[in-house]
Amino acid sequence: MEDIVAVEVRLSDASEARLTVTGVPDRPGAAARLFRALAHRSINVDMIVQNSSVHDTTDISFTVPTDELRLTVETLRAFDDDD
């Protein structure tokens, strides 16, 4: 993965944060492995959006509770898709 972008979303519910993970390999199971890593840390993921593939990679955006943002970013930074 290339980059993780974390943005606190200010909607009617300020308790949600939006993250975008760019450069996710566009191959079967890649997104599942990413979300499994988050599930192992008991991170509650909501509202998942995956963009169209470009050059065999894709971007995935999703929301998590704001109080889980730091743990989510730490988990994603430590995530190795080759595991």
C-alpha atoms as a PDB file:
ATOM      1  CA  MET A   1       0.000   0.000   0.000  1.00  0.00           C
ATOM      2  CA  GLU A   2       1.187   3.451  -0.780  1.00  0.00           C
ATOM      3  CA  ASP A   3      -0.496   5.817   1.621  1.00  0.00           C
ATOM      4  CA  ILE A   4      -3.065   6.223   4.366  1.00  0.00           C
ATOM      5  CA  VAL A   5      -5.063   9.438   4.574  1.00  0.00           C
ATOM      6  CA  ALA A   6      -7.023  10.036   7.774  1.00  0.00           C
ATOM      7  CA  VAL A   7      -9.636  12.764   7.903  1.00  0.00           C
ATOM      8  CA  GLU A   8     -12.017  13.545  10.724  1.00  0.00           C
ATOM      9  CA  VAL A   9     -15.451  13.839   9.183  1.00  0.00           C
ATOM     10  CA  ARG A  10     -17.637  16.647  10.471  1.00  0.00           C
ATOM     11  CA  LEU A  11     -21.136  15.534   9.683  1.00  0.00           C
ATOM     12  CA  SER A  12     -24.180  15.590  11.918  1.00  0.00           C
ATOM     13  CA  ASP A  13     -22.345  12.849  13.857  1.00  0.00           C
ATOM     14  CA  ALA A  14     -18.825  14.093  14.679  1.00  0.00           C
ATOM     15  CA  SER A  15     -17.985  10.731  16.239  1.00  0.00           C
ATOM     16  CA  GLU A  16     -16.934   9.263  12.863  1.00  0.00           C
ATOM     17  CA  ALA A  17     -13.587   9.582  11.082  1.00  0.00           C
ATOM     18  CA  ARG A  18     -13.004   8.801   7.403  1.00  0.00           C
ATOM     19  CA  LEU A  19      -9.832   7.101   6.188  1.00  0.00           C
ATOM     20  CA  THR A  20      -8.626   6.414   2.667  1.00  0.00           C
ATOM     21  CA  VAL A  21      -6.042   3.763   1.927  1.00  0.00           C
ATOM     22  CA  THR A  22      -4.458   4.222  -1.495  1.00  0.00           C
ATOM     23  CA  GLY A  23      -2.504   1.752  -3.575  1.00  0.00           C
ATOM     24  CA  VAL A  24      -4.319  -1.374  -2.387  1.00  0.00           C
ATOM     25  CA  PRO A  25      -3.459  -4.225  -4.779  1.00  0.00           C
ATOM     26  CA  ASP A  26      -6.442  -4.976  -7.021  1.00  0.00           C
ATOM     27  CA  ARG A  27      -6.496  -8.720  -6.527  1.00  0.00           C
ATOM     28  CA  PRO A  28      -8.936 -11.105  -4.847  1.00  0.00           C
ATOM     29  CA  GLY A  29      -8.695 -11.055  -1.067  1.00  0.00           C
ATOM     30  CA  ALA A  30      -6.565  -7.895  -0.681  1.00  0.00           C
ATOM     31  CA  ALA A  31      -9.367  -5.831   0.865  1.00  0.00           C
ATOM     32  CA  ALA A  32     -10.431  -8.787   3.018  1.00  0.00           C
ATOM     33  CA  ARG A  33      -6.909  -9.073   4.463  1.00  0.00           C
ATOM     34  CA  LEU A  34      -6.847  -5.352   5.200  1.00  0.00           C
ATOM     35  CA  PHE A  35     -10.198  -5.445   7.015  1.00  0.00           C
ATOM     36  CA  ARG A  36      -9.268  -8.682   8.803  1.00  0.00           C
ATOM     37  CA  ALA A  37      -6.250  -6.874  10.295  1.00  0.00           C
ATOM     38  CA  LEU A  38      -8.620  -4.197  11.615  1.00  0.00           C
ATOM     39  CA  ALA A  39     -11.070  -6.801  12.919  1.00  0.00           C
ATOM     40  CA  HIS A  40      -8.290  -8.494  14.887  1.00  0.00           C
ATOM     41  CA  ARG A  41      -7.858  -5.179  16.747  1.00  0.00           C
ATOM     42  CA  SER A  42     -11.665  -4.973  17.295  1.00  0.00           C
ATOM     43  CA  ILE A  43     -11.940  -1.832  15.171  1.00  0.00           C
ATOM     44  CA  ASN A  44     -15.503  -1.108  14.105  1.00  0.00           C
ATOM     45  CA  VAL A  45     -15.495  -0.289  10.357  1.00  0.00           C
ATOM     46  CA  ASP A  46     -18.502   1.341   8.721  1.00  0.00           C
ATOM     47  CA  MET A  47     -19.387   2.786   5.290  1.00  0.00           C
ATOM     48  CA  ILE A  48     -16.834   1.195   2.971  1.00  0.00           C
ATOM     49  CA  VAL A  49     -16.272   2.627  -0.526  1.00  0.00           C
ATOM     50  CA  GLN A  50     -13.833   1.125  -3.054  1.00  0.00           C
ATOM     51  CA  ASN A  51     -12.813   3.108  -6.127  1.00  0.00           C
ATOM     52  CA  SER A  52     -12.277   1.763  -9.615  1.00  0.00           C
ATOM     53  CA  SER A  53      -8.952   0.072 -10.257  1.00  0.00           C
ATOM     54  CA  VAL A  54      -6.148   1.999 -11.960  1.00  0.00           C
ATOM     55  CA  HIS A  55      -2.802   0.342 -12.783  1.00  0.00           C
ATOM     56  CA  ASP A  56      -3.750  -2.772 -10.783  1.00  0.00           C
ATOM     57  CA  THR A  57      -4.346  -0.837  -7.555  1.00  0.00           C
ATOM     58  CA  THR A  58      -7.411   0.687  -5.954  1.00  0.00           C
ATOM     59  CA  ASP A  59      -8.298   3.111  -3.177  1.00  0.00           C
ATOM     60  CA  ILE A  60     -10.557   2.129  -0.296  1.00  0.00           C
ATOM     61  CA  SER A  61     -12.290   4.672   1.949  1.00  0.00           C
ATOM     62  CA  PHE A  62     -14.154   3.805   5.128  1.00  0.00           C
ATOM     63  CA  THR A  63     -15.264   5.283   8.422  1.00  0.00           C
ATOM     64  CA  VAL A  64     -14.404   4.296  11.973  1.00  0.00           C
ATOM     65  CA  PRO A  65     -15.346   5.809  15.337  1.00  0.00           C
ATOM     66  CA  THR A  66     -13.166   8.869  15.969  1.00  0.00           C
ATOM     67  CA  ASP A  67     -11.904   7.395  19.217  1.00  0.00           C
ATOM     68  CA  GLU A  68     -10.514   4.423  17.226  1.00  0.00           C
ATOM     69  CA  LEU A  69      -8.764   6.591  14.602  1.00  0.00           C
ATOM     70  CA  ARG A  70      -5.262   6.418  16.117  1.00  0.00           C
ATOM     71  CA  LEU A  71      -5.438   2.624  16.578  1.00  0.00           C
ATOM     72  CA  THR A  72      -6.752   2.252  13.024  1.00  0.00           C
ATOM     73  CA  VAL A  73      -3.891   4.266  11.516  1.00  0.00           C
ATOM     74  CA  GLU A  74      -1.319   2.351  13.608  1.00  0.00           C
ATOM     75  CA  THR A  75      -2.819  -0.953  12.481  1.00  0.00           C
ATOM     76  CA  LEU A  76      -2.841   0.049   8.821  1.00  0.00           C
ATOM     77  CA  ARG A  77       0.741   1.331   8.929  1.00  0.00           C
ATOM     78  CA  ALA A  78       1.893  -1.986  10.428  1.00  0.00           C
ATOM     79  CA  PHE A  79      -0.190  -3.988   7.930  1.00  0.00           C
ATOM     80  CA  ASP A  80       1.746  -5.949   5.339  1.00  0.00           C
ATOM     81  CA  ASP A  81      -0.433  -7.204   2.494  1.00  0.00           C
ATOM     82  CA  ASP A  82       2.047  -9.992   1.819  1.00  0.00           C
ATOM     83  CA  ASP A  83       1.227 -11.700   5.141  1.00  0.00           C
END
